[in-house]
Every structure is written in C-alpha cells, then in structure tokens.
Amino acid sequence: MDEDSRIVALEEVPDDGTFLFTVRDGFDTKEAIIVELSDAVVAFENYCPHWTDVRLDKGSGATVRNGQLVCEKHGATFESDSGLCNYGPCEGAVLEEVSVTTENGVVYLTDERYEFENQGPSGDHDLSSRGRIGFSGN
C-alpha cells in the first residue's frame, strides 16, 4: 500500500470507540471515523445525517453503546458495521462510508474520492455552543 494513504496502526483504533481522521476532497476537508469490528474495520464520514454539522466524534471518540454509534445530539443510533440508523430522527438513513482496508496491521484509505490529510480533526468546525436561531435583541 502507498504510504500516503496510511491512516493509523490498527492497534491504535479503540476497541470501544472510534478513531478520528481527516480526508481531503480537492480543496475541502472532511472528517471521518474508523470503527473496529470483530473481524474488520469500517470508516464513515463524521457527521449525523439528521444535521450534517453535528459531529459523531468531537475529538475524543464517538459514543459506542452496545456495538452501535450514538449521536449525542439526537440520541440516534447507527449500526457499526453498516452505518444504518436504526433509531432516532434520521431512522433509515445511512452514514456515508469511506473505503478503508487493513494490511499488515495498518489501516489505509482506499476511497478514490479522498486523499488522507491527517489524524484527528480537520479544524474546519465551530466549537461554540450557540444555537441555530439567531437573536438580534431588537
């Protein structure tokens, strides 16, 4: 495999969480998360399909409960192997998969839409706690 597509050593992917990384699509960056399954790894874009600015992994690992990814904003749950939302406001939606593979204990990006950018967050998001509704005070 090409060293430029190397994401992380498999042993660094948490058993009960996610590993956050950033990919580049031309000029734009996107975050993605790796989930380790019993016999493989999968990766998904790091957002909830209900509100695409809501990140599943905010930098310290997404919540994984009973083998399912959890959106902390909505309580939606996603099957870790397929990304299918089986509960919540986006029930029936599917997380956007990012193609990865493992070779010799290393996870590599194989998705032709993206180039590997870096481990961790993209830095292209607002960490404030403000709401979606603006108040002008007038």
Protein backbone atom coordinates (compact mmCIF):
# COMPACT_ATOMS: atom_id res chain seq x y z
CA MET A 1 0.00 0.00 0.00
CA ASP A 2 1.03 3.58 -0.61
CA GLU A 3 2.44 5.27 2.50
CA ASP A 4 0.47 8.45 1.64
CA SER A 5 -2.77 6.54 2.23
CA ARG A 6 -1.66 5.21 5.64
CA ILE A 7 -4.08 6.34 8.36
CA VAL A 8 -3.14 4.54 11.57
CA ALA A 9 -1.83 1.31 13.08
CA LEU A 10 -4.78 -0.98 13.81
CA GLU A 11 -3.69 -1.32 17.45
CA GLU A 12 -4.32 2.44 17.91
CA VAL A 13 -8.01 2.14 16.94
CA PRO A 14 -10.02 1.88 20.19
CA ASP A 15 -11.95 -1.35 20.75
CA ASP A 16 -14.94 0.51 22.16
CA GLY A 17 -14.77 3.84 20.36
CA THR A 18 -13.69 5.50 17.14
CA PHE A 19 -10.52 6.89 15.59
CA LEU A 20 -10.88 10.34 14.04
CA PHE A 21 -9.04 11.37 10.88
CA THR A 22 -9.33 13.97 8.13
CA VAL A 23 -9.50 13.49 4.37
CA ARG A 24 -9.24 15.97 1.53
CA ASP A 25 -11.59 16.17 -1.44
CA GLY A 26 -9.90 18.69 -3.72
CA PHE A 27 -9.93 21.95 -1.72
CA ASP A 28 -12.31 20.80 1.02
CA THR A 29 -11.57 18.64 4.04
CA LYS A 30 -13.91 16.23 5.78
CA GLU A 31 -13.61 14.29 8.98
CA ALA A 32 -14.07 10.54 9.08
CA ILE A 33 -14.10 7.92 11.82
CA ILE A 34 -12.79 4.37 11.92
CA VAL A 35 -14.73 1.72 13.83
CA GLU A 36 -13.14 -1.64 14.62
CA LEU A 37 -15.45 -4.61 14.17
CA SER A 38 -14.73 -8.16 15.31
CA ASP A 39 -13.11 -9.11 12.00
CA ALA A 40 -12.56 -5.85 10.10
CA VAL A 41 -12.63 -2.06 10.27
CA VAL A 42 -15.06 0.33 8.62
CA ALA A 43 -14.99 4.10 8.25
CA PHE A 44 -17.72 6.69 7.88
CA GLU A 45 -17.87 10.43 7.38
CA ASN A 46 -18.03 12.06 10.81
CA TYR A 47 -21.49 13.59 10.79
CA CYS A 48 -25.08 12.76 11.66
CA PRO A 49 -27.34 12.62 8.58
CA HIS A 50 -30.06 14.46 10.53
CA TRP A 51 -27.96 17.62 10.92
CA THR A 52 -24.78 17.36 8.91
CA ASP A 53 -22.93 19.90 11.04
CA VAL A 54 -23.27 17.62 14.10
CA ARG A 55 -20.15 15.52 14.53
CA LEU A 56 -20.34 11.99 15.97
CA ASP A 57 -16.73 12.15 17.20
CA LYS A 58 -15.87 15.57 18.59
CA GLY A 59 -12.23 14.65 19.10
CA SER A 60 -12.23 12.14 21.94
CA GLY A 61 -14.06 9.26 20.27
CA ALA A 62 -17.71 8.81 19.37
CA THR A 63 -20.00 7.19 21.90
CA VAL A 64 -20.41 3.49 21.18
CA ARG A 65 -23.16 1.70 23.10
CA ASN A 66 -23.98 -1.99 22.64
CA GLY A 67 -21.91 -2.01 19.46
CA GLN A 68 -23.73 0.97 17.96
CA LEU A 69 -22.53 4.51 17.24
CA VAL A 70 -24.57 7.14 19.07
CA CYS A 71 -25.28 10.73 18.04
CA GLU A 72 -25.10 12.59 21.34
CA LYS A 73 -27.14 15.49 19.92
CA HIS A 74 -30.22 13.49 18.89
CA GLY A 75 -29.80 10.09 20.56
CA ALA A 76 -29.83 8.43 17.13
CA THR A 77 -28.08 5.06 16.94
CA PHE A 78 -26.22 3.62 13.95
CA GLU A 79 -25.20 0.04 13.28
CA SER A 80 -21.40 -0.01 13.47
CA ASP A 81 -20.94 -2.33 10.51
CA SER A 82 -23.33 -0.70 8.01
CA GLY A 83 -23.90 2.83 9.33
CA LEU A 84 -27.68 2.31 9.17
CA CYS A 85 -29.62 4.50 11.61
CA ASN A 86 -31.98 2.17 13.45
CA TYR A 87 -33.32 4.68 15.97
CA GLY A 88 -33.79 8.44 16.10
CA PRO A 89 -34.89 11.33 13.89
CA CYS A 90 -32.87 10.05 10.93
CA GLU A 91 -34.06 6.42 11.19
CA GLY A 92 -33.46 4.63 7.89
CA ALA A 93 -30.65 6.99 6.83
CA VAL A 94 -27.14 5.61 6.39
CA LEU A 95 -23.79 7.14 7.35
CA GLU A 96 -21.63 7.88 4.30
CA GLU A 97 -18.99 5.15 4.12
CA VAL A 98 -15.32 5.93 3.48
CA SER A 99 -13.44 2.97 2.00
CA VAL A 100 -10.52 1.68 4.07
CA THR A 101 -8.60 -1.57 4.28
CA THR A 102 -6.10 -3.16 6.63
CA GLU A 103 -2.79 -4.64 5.63
CA ASN A 104 -0.07 -5.89 7.98
CA GLY A 105 -1.77 -4.29 10.99
CA VAL A 106 -2.18 -0.85 9.38
CA VAL A 107 -5.38 0.91 8.24
CA TYR A 108 -5.16 2.53 4.80
CA LEU A 109 -7.51 4.87 2.95
CA THR A 110 -8.67 3.22 -0.29
CA ASP A 111 -11.52 5.60 -1.18
CA GLU A 112 -10.66 7.22 -4.51
CA ARG A 113 -12.77 10.30 -3.69
CA TYR A 114 -10.34 11.37 -0.98
CA GLU A 115 -6.70 11.87 -0.06
CA PHE A 116 -5.56 11.27 3.51
CA GLU A 117 -4.90 14.63 5.20
CA ASN A 118 -4.12 13.97 8.88
CA GLN A 119 -5.04 12.12 12.04
CA GLY A 120 -7.51 13.98 14.23
CA PRO A 121 -9.98 16.76 13.46
CA SER A 122 -9.98 18.98 10.40
CA GLY A 123 -10.12 22.28 12.24
CA ASP A 124 -12.94 23.41 9.92
CA HIS A 125 -15.68 23.43 12.53
CA ASP A 126 -17.15 25.79 15.08
CA LEU A 127 -16.71 24.59 18.66
CA SER A 128 -19.12 27.15 20.12
CA SER A 129 -22.29 26.04 21.84
CA ARG A 130 -24.54 28.57 20.14
CA GLY A 131 -27.89 27.50 18.78
CA ARG A 132 -29.24 27.52 15.24
CA ILE A 133 -31.53 30.50 15.89
CA GLY A 134 -30.01 33.97 15.97
CA PHE A 135 -31.32 36.63 18.33
CA SER A 136 -30.63 40.23 17.41
CA GLY A 137 -32.06 41.79 20.57
CA ASN A 138 -34.09 44.30 18.53
